[in-house]
Amino acid sequence: MATEFVMVPVPVERVREVYAVLAGEAPGDAPTKAADDEGGDPASTLLMGDWSEELIARAYRESPGSIVGIFNYLSDNPGREVIADELAQHINRTRAQMAGALGAFGRRTKNRYGRQSWPFHAWWSHESHRVIYKMDADVAEVIREARGI
């Protein structure tokens, strides 16, 4: 029997909560303080809300290949809106596989890094009926430095 899907409009600011519920997490759970910046400079510049440069670089270094591919592609295209299909194709995954990788990264973001959001933007586009991703230029620069380019 084929899986049936329904389209449910979700306000942009609540999309991550929906992803958390789909990933089996309780919505609104407070992040743990585990392994914050691990000795990073507390005066470090914060990017993307509460992500420091050191923590972004650390998340990049500790990520599996699929997430590294996402970071690499978005950092090669800073400020550009990238649809899910394009991103999945670039990392040689289906959209479902990419969603699974991002779900795992979301749990790691929360549990290992104590953050409620990814270091890049993601939102549902009603026009393209896809999630769109975008990385800010300052975050992209941190990723490129971590990549050694």
C-alpha atoms as a PDB file:
ATOM      1  CA  MET A   1       0.000   0.000   0.000  1.00  0.00           C
ATOM      2  CA  ALA A   2       1.391   3.398  -0.977  1.00  0.00           C
ATOM      3  CA  THR A   3       1.935   6.067   1.637  1.00  0.00           C
ATOM      4  CA  GLU A   4      -0.518   8.936   1.346  1.00  0.00           C
ATOM      5  CA  PHE A   5       0.623  12.507   1.963  1.00  0.00           C
ATOM      6  CA  VAL A   6      -1.275  15.665   2.829  1.00  0.00           C
ATOM      7  CA  MET A   7      -0.093  19.238   2.478  1.00  0.00           C
ATOM      8  CA  VAL A   8      -0.483  21.200   5.679  1.00  0.00           C
ATOM      9  CA  PRO A   9       0.338  24.904   5.745  1.00  0.00           C
ATOM     10  CA  VAL A  10       2.753  25.700   8.552  1.00  0.00           C
ATOM     11  CA  PRO A  11       3.955  29.181   9.499  1.00  0.00           C
ATOM     12  CA  VAL A  12       7.636  29.555   8.612  1.00  0.00           C
ATOM     13  CA  GLU A  13       8.637  30.195  12.206  1.00  0.00           C
ATOM     14  CA  ARG A  14       7.073  26.845  13.271  1.00  0.00           C
ATOM     15  CA  VAL A  15       8.519  24.543  10.572  1.00  0.00           C
ATOM     16  CA  ARG A  16      11.371  23.309  12.761  1.00  0.00           C
ATOM     17  CA  GLU A  17       8.871  22.370  15.476  1.00  0.00           C
ATOM     18  CA  VAL A  18       6.969  20.275  12.950  1.00  0.00           C
ATOM     19  CA  TYR A  19      10.229  18.605  11.856  1.00  0.00           C
ATOM     20  CA  ALA A  20      11.025  17.880  15.505  1.00  0.00           C
ATOM     21  CA  VAL A  21       7.653  16.194  16.020  1.00  0.00           C
ATOM     22  CA  LEU A  22       8.099  14.135  12.839  1.00  0.00           C
ATOM     23  CA  ALA A  23      11.546  13.111  14.087  1.00  0.00           C
ATOM     24  CA  GLY A  24       9.973  11.822  17.298  1.00  0.00           C
ATOM     25  CA  GLU A  25      11.054  14.634  19.572  1.00  0.00           C
ATOM     26  CA  ALA A  26       8.723  16.394  21.962  1.00  0.00           C
ATOM     27  CA  PRO A  27       8.036  19.944  20.753  1.00  0.00           C
ATOM     28  CA  GLY A  28       9.351  22.666  22.989  1.00  0.00           C
ATOM     29  CA  ASP A  29      11.980  20.518  24.706  1.00  0.00           C
ATOM     30  CA  ALA A  30      14.661  22.752  26.146  1.00  0.00           C
ATOM     31  CA  PRO A  31      18.100  22.189  24.647  1.00  0.00           C
ATOM     32  CA  THR A  32      20.656  20.499  26.805  1.00  0.00           C
ATOM     33  CA  LYS A  33      23.745  22.419  27.831  1.00  0.00           C
ATOM     34  CA  ALA A  34      25.941  19.470  26.843  1.00  0.00           C
ATOM     35  CA  ALA A  35      29.063  20.257  24.894  1.00  0.00           C
ATOM     36  CA  ASP A  36      28.423  23.926  24.276  1.00  0.00           C
ATOM     37  CA  ASP A  37      31.380  25.686  22.659  1.00  0.00           C
ATOM     38  CA  GLU A  38      33.780  23.532  24.703  1.00  0.00           C
ATOM     39  CA  GLY A  39      36.142  26.243  25.740  1.00  0.00           C
ATOM     40  CA  GLY A  40      35.457  28.523  22.806  1.00  0.00           C
ATOM     41  CA  ASP A  41      35.929  32.248  23.189  1.00  0.00           C
ATOM     42  CA  PRO A  42      32.760  33.555  24.902  1.00  0.00           C
ATOM     43  CA  ALA A  43      33.232  36.879  23.126  1.00  0.00           C
ATOM     44  CA  SER A  44      33.191  35.153  19.724  1.00  0.00           C
ATOM     45  CA  THR A  45      30.952  36.648  17.076  1.00  0.00           C
ATOM     46  CA  LEU A  46      27.530  35.021  17.037  1.00  0.00           C
ATOM     47  CA  LEU A  47      26.104  34.108  13.651  1.00  0.00           C
ATOM     48  CA  MET A  48      22.645  32.752  12.804  1.00  0.00           C
ATOM     49  CA  GLY A  49      21.154  33.547  16.178  1.00  0.00           C
ATOM     50  CA  ASP A  50      23.254  31.812  18.782  1.00  0.00           C
ATOM     51  CA  TRP A  51      25.762  29.926  16.605  1.00  0.00           C
ATOM     52  CA  SER A  52      29.350  31.066  17.126  1.00  0.00           C
ATOM     53  CA  GLU A  53      31.986  30.766  14.425  1.00  0.00           C
ATOM     54  CA  GLU A  54      33.723  28.045  16.450  1.00  0.00           C
ATOM     55  CA  LEU A  55      30.532  26.050  16.907  1.00  0.00           C
ATOM     56  CA  ILE A  56      29.661  26.253  13.202  1.00  0.00           C
ATOM     57  CA  ALA A  57      33.138  24.997  12.289  1.00  0.00           C
ATOM     58  CA  ARG A  58      32.855  22.227  14.873  1.00  0.00           C
ATOM     59  CA  ALA A  59      29.439  21.128  13.573  1.00  0.00           C
ATOM     60  CA  TYR A  60      30.913  21.027  10.071  1.00  0.00           C
ATOM     61  CA  ARG A  61      33.914  18.930  11.163  1.00  0.00           C
ATOM     62  CA  GLU A  62      31.730  16.492  13.124  1.00  0.00           C
ATOM     63  CA  SER A  63      29.123  15.995  10.395  1.00  0.00           C
ATOM     64  CA  PRO A  64      28.663  12.922   8.197  1.00  0.00           C
ATOM     65  CA  GLY A  65      29.099  13.135   4.429  1.00  0.00           C
ATOM     66  CA  SER A  66      25.528  14.051   3.549  1.00  0.00           C
ATOM     67  CA  ILE A  67      25.490  17.032   5.933  1.00  0.00           C
ATOM     68  CA  VAL A  68      28.988  18.077   4.860  1.00  0.00           C
ATOM     69  CA  GLY A  69      27.653  18.043   1.289  1.00  0.00           C
ATOM     70  CA  ILE A  70      24.758  20.290   2.315  1.00  0.00           C
ATOM     71  CA  PHE A  71      27.114  22.672   4.111  1.00  0.00           C
ATOM     72  CA  ASN A  72      29.484  22.700   1.122  1.00  0.00           C
ATOM     73  CA  TYR A  73      26.786  23.388  -1.460  1.00  0.00           C
ATOM     74  CA  LEU A  74      25.096  26.108   0.559  1.00  0.00           C
ATOM     75  CA  SER A  75      28.450  27.741   1.382  1.00  0.00           C
ATOM     76  CA  ASP A  76      29.325  27.691  -2.336  1.00  0.00           C
ATOM     77  CA  ASN A  77      26.045  29.544  -2.956  1.00  0.00           C
ATOM     78  CA  PRO A  78      25.782  32.072  -0.096  1.00  0.00           C
ATOM     79  CA  GLY A  79      22.595  34.096   0.006  1.00  0.00           C
ATOM     80  CA  ARG A  80      21.052  32.027  -2.793  1.00  0.00           C
ATOM     81  CA  GLU A  81      17.742  30.245  -2.231  1.00  0.00           C
ATOM     82  CA  VAL A  82      18.219  26.555  -3.039  1.00  0.00           C
ATOM     83  CA  ILE A  83      15.224  24.246  -3.400  1.00  0.00           C
ATOM     84  CA  ALA A  84      15.263  20.822  -1.756  1.00  0.00           C
ATOM     85  CA  ASP A  85      15.406  18.945  -5.083  1.00  0.00           C
ATOM     86  CA  GLU A  86      18.547  20.776  -6.163  1.00  0.00           C
ATOM     87  CA  LEU A  87      20.241  20.262  -2.816  1.00  0.00           C
ATOM     88  CA  ALA A  88      19.311  16.557  -2.687  1.00  0.00           C
ATOM     89  CA  GLN A  89      20.591  16.045  -6.218  1.00  0.00           C
ATOM     90  CA  HIS A  90      23.883  17.750  -5.369  1.00  0.00           C
ATOM     91  CA  ILE A  91      24.527  15.424  -2.417  1.00  0.00           C
ATOM     92  CA  ASN A  92      23.390  12.355  -4.413  1.00  0.00           C
ATOM     93  CA  ARG A  93      20.428  11.612  -2.161  1.00  0.00           C
ATOM     94  CA  THR A  94      16.686  11.477  -2.634  1.00  0.00           C
ATOM     95  CA  ARG A  95      14.657  14.180  -0.925  1.00  0.00           C
ATOM     96  CA  ALA A  96      13.522  11.572   1.615  1.00  0.00           C
ATOM     97  CA  GLN A  97      17.130  10.561   2.364  1.00  0.00           C
ATOM     98  CA  MET A  98      18.120  14.200   2.683  1.00  0.00           C
ATOM     99  CA  ALA A  99      15.190  14.800   5.048  1.00  0.00           C
ATOM    100  CA  GLY A 100      16.376  11.876   7.149  1.00  0.00           C
ATOM    101  CA  ALA A 101      19.913  13.252   7.285  1.00  0.00           C
ATOM    102  CA  LEU A 102      18.590  16.685   8.251  1.00  0.00           C
ATOM    103  CA  GLY A 103      16.370  15.128  10.914  1.00  0.00           C
ATOM    104  CA  ALA A 104      19.406  13.443  12.455  1.00  0.00           C
ATOM    105  CA  PHE A 105      21.362  16.699  12.162  1.00  0.00           C
ATOM    106  CA  GLY A 106      18.480  18.511  13.887  1.00  0.00           C
ATOM    107  CA  ARG A 107      18.683  16.108  16.821  1.00  0.00           C
ATOM    108  CA  ARG A 108      22.466  16.547  16.977  1.00  0.00           C
ATOM    109  CA  THR A 109      22.042  20.319  16.748  1.00  0.00           C
ATOM    110  CA  LYS A 110      19.805  20.195  19.787  1.00  0.00           C
ATOM    111  CA  ASN A 111      21.492  17.509  21.866  1.00  0.00           C
ATOM    112  CA  ARG A 112      25.181  17.999  21.126  1.00  0.00           C
ATOM    113  CA  TYR A 113      25.359  21.714  20.375  1.00  0.00           C
ATOM    114  CA  GLY A 114      22.450  22.919  22.520  1.00  0.00           C
ATOM    115  CA  ARG A 115      20.872  24.904  19.671  1.00  0.00           C
ATOM    116  CA  GLN A 116      17.270  25.098  18.495  1.00  0.00           C
ATOM    117  CA  SER A 117      18.018  25.962  14.864  1.00  0.00           C
ATOM    118  CA  TRP A 118      20.393  24.998  12.099  1.00  0.00           C
ATOM    119  CA  PRO A 119      23.179  27.405  11.101  1.00  0.00           C
ATOM    120  CA  PHE A 120      21.319  28.014   7.827  1.00  0.00           C
ATOM    121  CA  HIS A 121      17.773  28.988   6.919  1.00  0.00           C
ATOM    122  CA  ALA A 122      15.074  26.529   5.843  1.00  0.00           C
ATOM    123  CA  TRP A 123      11.435  27.287   5.077  1.00  0.00           C
ATOM    124  CA  TRP A 124       8.492  25.912   3.133  1.00  0.00           C
ATOM    125  CA  SER A 125       7.725  27.636  -0.166  1.00  0.00           C
ATOM    126  CA  HIS A 126       4.091  27.573  -1.211  1.00  0.00           C
ATOM    127  CA  GLU A 127       5.076  28.569  -4.759  1.00  0.00           C
ATOM    128  CA  SER A 128       7.506  25.688  -5.364  1.00  0.00           C
ATOM    129  CA  HIS A 129       5.880  23.251  -2.902  1.00  0.00           C
ATOM    130  CA  ARG A 130       9.335  22.496  -1.535  1.00  0.00           C
ATOM    131  CA  VAL A 131      11.553  23.440   1.339  1.00  0.00           C
ATOM    132  CA  ILE A 132      14.040  26.161   0.449  1.00  0.00           C
ATOM    133  CA  TYR A 133      17.454  26.461   2.064  1.00  0.00           C
ATOM    134  CA  LYS A 134      19.761  29.471   2.264  1.00  0.00           C
ATOM    135  CA  MET A 135      23.035  30.144   4.024  1.00  0.00           C
ATOM    136  CA  ASP A 136      24.067  33.648   5.071  1.00  0.00           C
ATOM    137  CA  ALA A 137      27.362  34.919   3.657  1.00  0.00           C
ATOM    138  CA  ASP A 138      29.052  35.168   7.073  1.00  0.00           C
ATOM    139  CA  VAL A 139      28.183  31.544   7.895  1.00  0.00           C
ATOM    140  CA  ALA A 140      29.324  30.460   4.412  1.00  0.00           C
ATOM    141  CA  GLU A 141      32.679  32.123   5.047  1.00  0.00           C
ATOM    142  CA  VAL A 142      33.127  30.128   8.277  1.00  0.00           C
ATOM    143  CA  ILE A 143      32.318  26.893   6.394  1.00  0.00           C
ATOM    144  CA  ARG A 144      34.726  27.746   3.570  1.00  0.00           C
ATOM    145  CA  GLU A 145      37.451  28.390   6.155  1.00  0.00           C
ATOM    146  CA  ALA A 146      36.694  25.032   7.809  1.00  0.00           C
ATOM    147  CA  ARG A 147      36.954  23.436   4.354  1.00  0.00           C
ATOM    148  CA  GLY A 148      40.305  25.096   3.809  1.00  0.00           C
ATOM    149  CA  ILE A 149      39.232  27.150   0.794  1.00  0.00           C
END
